[in-house]
N, C-alpha and C. Protein backbone atom coordinates (compact mmCIF):
# COMPACT_ATOMS: atom_id res chain seq x y z
N MET A 1 59.63 -32.49 -123.47
CA MET A 1 58.39 -32.53 -123.30
C MET A 1 58.30 -31.66 -121.62
N ILE A 2 57.11 -30.91 -121.96
CA ILE A 2 56.70 -29.88 -120.76
C ILE A 2 55.80 -30.65 -120.22
N GLY A 3 55.84 -31.12 -118.83
CA GLY A 3 55.07 -32.14 -118.00
C GLY A 3 54.04 -31.44 -116.51
N ARG A 4 53.09 -31.04 -116.95
CA ARG A 4 52.48 -30.92 -116.19
C ARG A 4 52.54 -31.26 -114.48
N ARG A 5 52.83 -29.19 -113.28
CA ARG A 5 53.00 -29.98 -112.05
C ARG A 5 51.80 -30.10 -111.52
N ARG A 6 52.49 -30.93 -110.68
CA ARG A 6 51.29 -31.22 -109.45
C ARG A 6 51.41 -30.22 -108.66
N VAL A 7 50.25 -29.95 -107.85
CA VAL A 7 49.82 -28.41 -106.93
C VAL A 7 50.05 -29.60 -105.15
N ASP A 8 50.89 -28.68 -104.49
CA ASP A 8 50.64 -29.51 -103.64
C ASP A 8 49.97 -28.99 -102.18
N PRO A 9 49.41 -29.86 -101.47
CA PRO A 9 48.23 -29.59 -101.02
C PRO A 9 48.62 -29.06 -99.83
N GLY A 10 49.25 -29.08 -98.91
CA GLY A 10 50.06 -28.35 -98.16
C GLY A 10 50.35 -26.58 -98.27
N PHE A 11 50.78 -26.62 -99.97
CA PHE A 11 50.88 -25.33 -100.01
C PHE A 11 49.07 -24.59 -100.47
N VAL A 12 48.06 -25.58 -100.89
CA VAL A 12 46.80 -24.74 -101.08
C VAL A 12 46.71 -24.81 -99.29
N LEU A 13 46.81 -25.29 -98.35
CA LEU A 13 46.23 -25.12 -96.51
C LEU A 13 47.19 -24.11 -96.32
N ARG A 14 48.30 -24.01 -96.75
CA ARG A 14 49.68 -23.11 -95.99
C ARG A 14 48.82 -21.40 -96.37
N TRP A 15 48.37 -21.23 -97.83
CA TRP A 15 48.74 -20.27 -98.31
C TRP A 15 47.15 -19.74 -98.35
N LEU A 16 46.02 -20.30 -98.53
CA LEU A 16 44.62 -20.07 -98.60
C LEU A 16 43.68 -20.53 -97.34
N ALA A 17 43.68 -21.48 -97.32
CA ALA A 17 42.74 -22.01 -96.10
C ALA A 17 43.29 -21.39 -94.71
N ILE A 18 44.86 -21.42 -94.44
CA ILE A 18 44.63 -21.27 -93.17
C ILE A 18 44.04 -19.38 -92.78
N PRO A 19 45.15 -18.80 -93.77
CA PRO A 19 45.42 -17.45 -93.04
C PRO A 19 43.34 -16.93 -93.67
N ALA A 20 42.99 -17.67 -94.54
CA ALA A 20 40.76 -17.65 -94.43
C ALA A 20 40.29 -17.50 -93.30
N LEU A 21 40.88 -18.96 -92.62
CA LEU A 21 40.11 -19.16 -91.16
C LEU A 21 40.65 -18.19 -90.11
N VAL A 22 41.75 -17.87 -90.23
CA VAL A 22 42.38 -16.55 -89.69
C VAL A 22 41.78 -15.05 -89.92
N GLY A 23 41.39 -14.94 -91.23
CA GLY A 23 40.79 -13.77 -91.31
C GLY A 23 39.33 -13.50 -90.14
N ALA A 24 38.60 -14.85 -90.42
CA ALA A 24 37.35 -15.24 -89.77
C ALA A 24 37.30 -15.08 -89.40
N ILE A 25 38.15 -15.56 -88.74
CA ILE A 25 38.36 -15.99 -86.88
C ILE A 25 38.33 -14.28 -86.06
N ALA A 26 38.94 -13.48 -86.83
CA ALA A 26 39.77 -12.31 -86.11
C ALA A 26 38.99 -11.39 -86.44
N ALA A 27 37.71 -11.55 -87.68
CA ALA A 27 36.86 -10.39 -87.71
C ALA A 27 36.06 -10.99 -87.15
N ALA A 28 35.14 -12.06 -86.55
CA ALA A 28 34.18 -12.67 -85.55
C ALA A 28 35.02 -11.86 -84.14
N ALA A 29 36.04 -12.31 -83.76
CA ALA A 29 36.60 -11.59 -82.29
C ALA A 29 36.22 -9.88 -82.65
N LEU A 30 36.74 -9.37 -83.24
CA LEU A 30 36.63 -7.71 -83.10
C LEU A 30 35.19 -7.34 -82.93
N ASP A 31 34.36 -7.50 -83.76
CA ASP A 31 32.81 -7.18 -83.80
C ASP A 31 32.36 -8.39 -84.41
N PRO A 32 31.72 -9.38 -83.58
CA PRO A 32 31.00 -10.20 -84.23
C PRO A 32 29.52 -9.73 -85.42
N ALA A 33 28.76 -8.47 -84.37
CA ALA A 33 28.15 -8.42 -84.44
C ALA A 33 27.93 -7.43 -86.13
N ALA A 34 28.88 -7.61 -86.78
CA ALA A 34 29.86 -6.49 -88.13
C ALA A 34 29.61 -7.53 -89.19
N LEU A 35 29.47 -8.81 -88.76
CA LEU A 35 29.57 -9.51 -89.81
C LEU A 35 28.00 -9.46 -90.58
N PRO A 36 27.82 -10.20 -91.91
CA PRO A 36 26.59 -9.56 -92.66
C PRO A 36 25.67 -10.52 -92.36
N PHE A 37 25.91 -11.78 -91.81
CA PHE A 37 25.07 -12.69 -91.63
C PHE A 37 24.33 -12.96 -90.08
N ALA A 38 25.36 -12.19 -89.46
CA ALA A 38 25.14 -12.58 -88.23
C ALA A 38 24.44 -11.30 -87.25
N GLY A 39 23.63 -12.48 -86.82
CA GLY A 39 22.55 -11.85 -85.34
C GLY A 39 21.77 -10.85 -85.92
N THR A 40 21.47 -9.56 -84.91
CA THR A 40 19.87 -8.71 -85.23
C THR A 40 20.11 -8.09 -86.03
N GLU A 41 19.34 -6.87 -86.03
CA GLU A 41 18.80 -5.64 -86.71
C GLU A 41 20.30 -4.49 -86.12
N ARG A 42 20.88 -3.83 -87.21
CA ARG A 42 21.91 -2.91 -87.25
C ARG A 42 21.29 -1.76 -87.26
N ILE A 43 21.02 -0.63 -86.35
CA ILE A 43 21.11 0.45 -86.53
C ILE A 43 22.15 1.18 -86.49
N SER A 44 22.21 2.42 -87.28
CA SER A 44 23.30 3.66 -87.33
C SER A 44 23.16 4.64 -86.54
N ALA A 45 23.52 5.39 -86.06
CA ALA A 45 23.12 7.23 -86.09
C ALA A 45 23.75 8.03 -87.15
N VAL A 46 23.72 8.96 -87.24
CA VAL A 46 24.52 9.58 -88.89
C VAL A 46 24.52 11.34 -88.19
N PHE A 47 25.69 11.60 -87.48
CA PHE A 47 24.95 13.07 -86.77
C PHE A 47 25.71 14.19 -88.20
N LEU A 48 25.41 15.01 -88.63
CA LEU A 48 26.14 15.74 -89.30
C LEU A 48 26.34 17.17 -88.47
N LEU A 49 27.09 17.54 -89.53
CA LEU A 49 27.98 19.31 -89.03
C LEU A 49 26.78 20.32 -88.65
N ASP A 50 25.44 19.95 -89.42
CA ASP A 50 24.81 21.22 -89.26
C ASP A 50 23.62 20.82 -87.89
N GLY A 51 24.17 19.41 -87.13
CA GLY A 51 23.52 19.33 -85.37
C GLY A 51 22.55 18.43 -85.60
N GLN A 52 22.18 17.64 -87.58
CA GLN A 52 21.01 16.71 -87.61
C GLN A 52 21.77 15.85 -87.92
N ALA A 53 20.04 14.52 -86.97
CA ALA A 53 20.79 13.21 -86.94
C ALA A 53 19.87 12.41 -87.66
N TYR A 54 20.51 11.34 -87.67
CA TYR A 54 19.54 10.34 -88.78
C TYR A 54 19.65 9.06 -88.18
N PHE A 55 18.60 8.19 -88.06
CA PHE A 55 18.90 6.96 -88.16
C PHE A 55 18.63 5.79 -88.77
N GLY A 56 19.12 4.95 -89.12
CA GLY A 56 18.48 4.14 -90.59
C GLY A 56 19.71 2.71 -90.25
N HIS A 57 20.12 2.19 -91.27
CA HIS A 57 20.52 1.18 -92.05
C HIS A 57 21.67 1.87 -92.73
N LEU A 58 22.78 1.73 -92.63
CA LEU A 58 24.09 2.47 -92.92
C LEU A 58 24.87 1.61 -94.31
N ASP A 59 24.82 2.08 -95.69
CA ASP A 59 24.77 1.18 -96.25
C ASP A 59 26.91 2.27 -96.71
N ASP A 60 27.99 2.06 -96.49
CA ASP A 60 29.02 2.74 -96.28
C ASP A 60 30.58 2.41 -96.87
N VAL A 61 30.05 2.49 -98.23
CA VAL A 61 31.16 1.93 -98.96
C VAL A 61 32.55 2.97 -99.07
N PRO A 62 33.08 2.16 -98.61
CA PRO A 62 34.60 3.24 -98.43
C PRO A 62 35.55 4.49 -99.80
N TRP A 63 34.78 3.34 -101.05
CA TRP A 63 35.40 4.68 -102.48
C TRP A 63 34.57 5.33 -102.91
N SER A 64 33.30 5.64 -101.95
CA SER A 64 32.21 6.30 -102.25
C SER A 64 32.33 7.71 -101.71
N GLY A 65 32.11 8.93 -102.35
CA GLY A 65 32.21 10.06 -101.64
C GLY A 65 30.90 10.33 -101.02
N THR A 66 30.06 9.39 -100.86
CA THR A 66 28.38 9.17 -100.04
C THR A 66 28.41 8.48 -98.94
N VAL A 67 27.29 8.64 -98.09
CA VAL A 67 26.66 7.46 -96.89
C VAL A 67 26.30 7.37 -97.35
N THR A 68 24.76 5.96 -97.35
CA THR A 68 23.81 5.56 -98.30
C THR A 68 23.19 5.32 -96.70
N LEU A 69 22.46 6.13 -95.91
CA LEU A 69 21.11 5.80 -95.28
C LEU A 69 19.68 5.09 -95.65
N THR A 70 19.34 3.54 -95.04
CA THR A 70 17.76 3.39 -95.36
C THR A 70 17.14 2.60 -94.68
N ASP A 71 15.98 3.60 -94.70
CA ASP A 71 14.75 3.16 -93.36
C ASP A 71 15.39 3.96 -92.77
N VAL A 72 15.11 5.59 -93.12
CA VAL A 72 15.66 6.35 -92.19
C VAL A 72 14.62 7.29 -91.55
N TYR A 73 15.29 7.06 -90.47
CA TYR A 73 14.39 7.64 -88.89
C TYR A 73 15.20 9.06 -88.55
N TYR A 74 14.29 10.53 -87.95
CA TYR A 74 14.48 11.80 -87.81
C TYR A 74 14.06 12.29 -87.13
N PHE A 75 14.40 13.04 -86.39
CA PHE A 75 14.29 13.26 -84.74
C PHE A 75 13.11 14.51 -85.22
N ASN A 76 11.72 14.60 -84.11
CA ASN A 76 10.84 15.31 -84.16
C ASN A 76 10.48 15.82 -82.85
N ASP A 77 9.81 16.80 -83.01
CA ASP A 77 8.98 17.09 -81.35
C ASP A 77 8.16 15.85 -80.82
N ALA A 78 8.95 15.77 -79.67
CA ALA A 78 8.17 14.59 -78.73
C ALA A 78 6.91 15.29 -78.18
N THR A 79 6.15 16.64 -78.42
CA THR A 79 5.62 16.69 -78.00
C THR A 79 4.12 16.21 -78.29
N ARG A 80 4.42 16.17 -79.84
CA ARG A 80 2.60 16.11 -80.84
C ARG A 80 3.18 14.51 -81.10
N THR A 81 3.46 13.18 -80.60
CA THR A 81 3.98 11.45 -80.76
C THR A 81 2.70 10.97 -80.20
N THR A 82 2.22 9.76 -80.63
CA THR A 82 1.20 9.21 -79.92
C THR A 82 1.77 8.35 -78.79
N THR A 83 3.39 7.88 -78.66
CA THR A 83 3.62 7.11 -78.00
C THR A 83 4.45 7.70 -76.56
N ASP A 84 4.54 6.38 -75.70
CA ASP A 84 4.72 7.17 -74.37
C ASP A 84 6.12 7.29 -74.55
N LEU A 85 6.90 7.34 -75.28
CA LEU A 85 8.40 7.53 -75.01
C LEU A 85 8.89 8.36 -75.67
N PRO A 86 10.23 9.23 -74.39
CA PRO A 86 10.68 10.49 -74.48
C PRO A 86 11.39 10.85 -76.00
N VAL A 87 11.86 9.96 -77.56
CA VAL A 87 11.56 10.30 -78.48
C VAL A 87 10.94 10.34 -79.04
N ALA A 88 10.84 11.50 -79.46
CA ALA A 88 10.12 10.24 -80.90
C ALA A 88 10.78 11.11 -82.28
N LEU A 89 10.31 10.01 -83.25
CA LEU A 89 11.26 10.23 -84.31
C LEU A 89 9.75 10.24 -85.84
N VAL A 90 10.26 10.44 -86.80
CA VAL A 90 9.47 10.36 -88.13
C VAL A 90 10.48 9.71 -88.83
N LYS A 91 9.40 8.91 -89.84
CA LYS A 91 9.98 8.23 -90.39
C LYS A 91 10.38 9.03 -91.19
N ARG A 92 10.99 8.82 -92.56
CA ARG A 92 11.69 9.83 -94.23
C ARG A 92 10.60 9.22 -94.94
N GLY A 93 9.92 9.90 -95.98
CA GLY A 93 9.57 9.69 -96.72
C GLY A 93 7.82 9.98 -96.38
N SER A 94 7.73 10.99 -95.13
CA SER A 94 5.96 11.69 -94.81
C SER A 94 6.37 12.41 -95.41
N GLU A 95 6.86 13.36 -95.90
CA GLU A 95 7.85 14.68 -96.18
C GLU A 95 6.85 14.72 -97.15
N LEU A 96 6.28 16.56 -97.57
CA LEU A 96 5.47 17.19 -98.78
C LEU A 96 6.01 15.99 -100.05
N HIS A 97 7.49 16.79 -100.36
CA HIS A 97 7.61 16.08 -101.51
C HIS A 97 7.65 14.62 -101.46
N GLN A 98 7.64 13.75 -100.49
CA GLN A 98 7.36 11.86 -99.90
C GLN A 98 8.70 11.40 -101.02
N PRO A 99 10.02 11.66 -99.94
CA PRO A 99 11.46 10.95 -100.97
C PRO A 99 11.01 10.05 -101.02
N ALA A 100 11.33 9.24 -101.89
CA ALA A 100 12.03 7.78 -102.19
C ALA A 100 12.71 6.95 -100.78
N ASP A 101 12.81 5.79 -100.83
CA ASP A 101 13.49 5.41 -99.25
C ASP A 101 15.04 5.37 -99.83
N GLY A 102 15.35 5.91 -98.96
CA GLY A 102 17.48 6.33 -98.65
C GLY A 102 17.86 7.18 -98.77
N LEU A 103 18.69 7.81 -98.26
CA LEU A 103 19.67 9.16 -97.91
C LEU A 103 20.68 9.28 -98.45
N HIS A 104 21.38 9.90 -99.53
CA HIS A 104 22.76 9.74 -99.77
C HIS A 104 23.12 11.17 -98.98
N ILE A 105 23.96 10.89 -98.11
CA ILE A 105 24.96 12.31 -97.67
C ILE A 105 26.04 12.16 -98.07
N ARG A 106 26.36 13.49 -98.15
CA ARG A 106 27.80 13.53 -98.67
C ARG A 106 28.64 13.56 -97.24
N ARG A 107 29.76 12.49 -97.84
CA ARG A 107 31.11 12.49 -96.19
C ARG A 107 31.80 13.77 -96.00
N ASP A 108 31.71 14.79 -96.10
CA ASP A 108 31.80 15.75 -96.04
C ASP A 108 30.94 16.79 -94.96
N LYS A 109 30.10 16.29 -94.78
CA LYS A 109 29.19 17.00 -94.05
C LYS A 109 28.53 15.53 -93.01
N VAL A 110 29.60 14.96 -92.55
CA VAL A 110 29.02 13.96 -91.54
C VAL A 110 29.93 14.30 -90.88
N LEU A 111 29.40 14.37 -89.24
CA LEU A 111 30.39 14.93 -88.12
C LEU A 111 30.70 12.98 -87.38
N ALA A 112 29.75 12.35 -87.49
CA ALA A 112 30.17 11.27 -86.76
C ALA A 112 29.41 10.36 -87.37
N VAL A 113 29.68 9.26 -87.12
CA VAL A 113 28.40 7.81 -87.66
C VAL A 113 29.20 6.81 -86.38
N GLU A 114 27.44 6.70 -85.59
CA GLU A 114 27.56 5.48 -84.14
C GLU A 114 26.37 4.27 -84.57
N ARG A 115 26.65 2.93 -84.06
CA ARG A 115 25.56 2.52 -83.40
C ARG A 115 24.71 2.76 -82.96
N VAL A 116 23.53 2.06 -83.08
CA VAL A 116 22.30 2.71 -81.96
C VAL A 116 22.03 0.99 -81.04
N ASP A 117 22.61 1.31 -79.96
CA ASP A 117 21.88 0.29 -79.54
C ASP A 117 21.33 -0.12 -79.27
N LEU A 118 20.14 -1.76 -79.39
CA LEU A 118 19.18 -1.98 -79.66
C LEU A 118 18.37 -1.99 -78.57
N ALA A 119 18.55 -1.34 -76.71
CA ALA A 119 17.76 -1.05 -76.05
C ALA A 119 17.77 0.48 -75.66
N SER A 120 18.36 1.32 -76.39
CA SER A 120 18.48 2.42 -76.01
C SER A 120 17.48 3.35 -76.45
N SER A 121 16.37 4.38 -76.10
CA SER A 121 15.49 5.05 -75.81
C SER A 121 15.19 5.52 -78.22
N VAL A 122 16.45 5.61 -78.77
CA VAL A 122 16.22 5.87 -80.16
C VAL A 122 15.73 4.56 -80.81
N ALA A 123 16.45 3.50 -80.26
CA ALA A 123 15.87 2.16 -81.12
C ALA A 123 14.60 1.72 -80.73
N GLN A 124 14.43 1.81 -79.25
CA GLN A 124 12.97 1.76 -79.09
C GLN A 124 11.84 2.62 -79.91
N ALA A 125 11.95 4.20 -79.77
CA ALA A 125 10.53 4.55 -80.90
C ALA A 125 11.05 4.06 -82.30
N ILE A 126 11.72 3.54 -82.99
CA ILE A 126 11.84 3.08 -84.39
C ILE A 126 10.80 1.72 -83.72
N ALA A 127 11.67 1.32 -83.19
CA ALA A 127 10.01 -0.49 -82.76
C ALA A 127 8.75 0.45 -83.32
N ALA A 128 8.32 1.13 -81.77
CA ALA A 128 7.22 1.90 -81.65
C ALA A 128 6.32 2.48 -83.16
N GLN A 129 7.06 3.19 -84.08
CA GLN A 129 6.73 3.45 -85.18
C GLN A 129 6.19 2.53 -85.76
N ARG A 130 7.48 1.39 -86.67
CA ARG A 130 7.11 0.62 -87.27
C ARG A 130 5.64 -0.09 -86.57
N ALA A 131 5.91 0.18 -85.29
CA ALA A 131 4.55 -1.06 -85.17
C ALA A 131 3.75 -0.10 -84.93
N LEU A 132 3.27 1.26 -85.63
CA LEU A 132 2.31 1.99 -85.68
C LEU A 132 2.09 2.10 -86.85
N GLU A 133 2.86 2.17 -87.94
CA GLU A 133 3.30 1.83 -89.27
C GLU A 133 1.99 0.86 -89.67
N ARG A 134 2.97 -0.20 -89.70
CA ARG A 134 1.82 -1.90 -89.54
C ARG A 134 1.15 -1.47 -88.96
N SER A 135 0.47 -1.05 -88.39
CA SER A 135 -1.36 -1.05 -87.56
C SER A 135 -1.67 -0.18 -88.67
N ALA A 136 -1.24 0.76 -89.00
CA ALA A 136 -2.28 1.30 -89.42
C ALA A 136 -2.39 0.90 -91.27
N ALA A 137 -1.23 0.32 -91.64
CA ALA A 137 -1.17 -0.49 -93.12
C ALA A 137 -2.30 -1.65 -93.03
N ALA A 138 -2.78 -2.65 -91.45
CA ALA A 138 -3.40 -3.70 -91.84
C ALA A 138 -4.62 -3.11 -91.58
N ARG A 139 -5.32 -1.44 -91.07
CA ARG A 139 -6.26 -1.26 -91.96
C ARG A 139 -7.32 -1.20 -93.02
């Protein structure tokens, strides 16, 4: 007769629960803002080899040949803006061809990716642009 094997609770604790707990603590200790459910908005800057820079929410799937930015902004000539900020950004989508939100960039065209601090001029310009868009939509 073949009997059922009883699972030792210590085995489950040693090999499943403890490594999961250690992994969660290590991830939070390294970069708590990187956790998907933590904190504030994360804006990334993607710098391309041709000198262009885009800002937005980065979706970087490691096995993909592209990185994807949503809610995308890029630099504009600051002399034509309606804000008092030294940085002028334009939301992508207002161009003549009105692209849908989302920009897929080939990895071999990316020079660097950095996280934008929410106190930076770029983040403040994005917030100002969003406020202008909300006030225009409310009219």
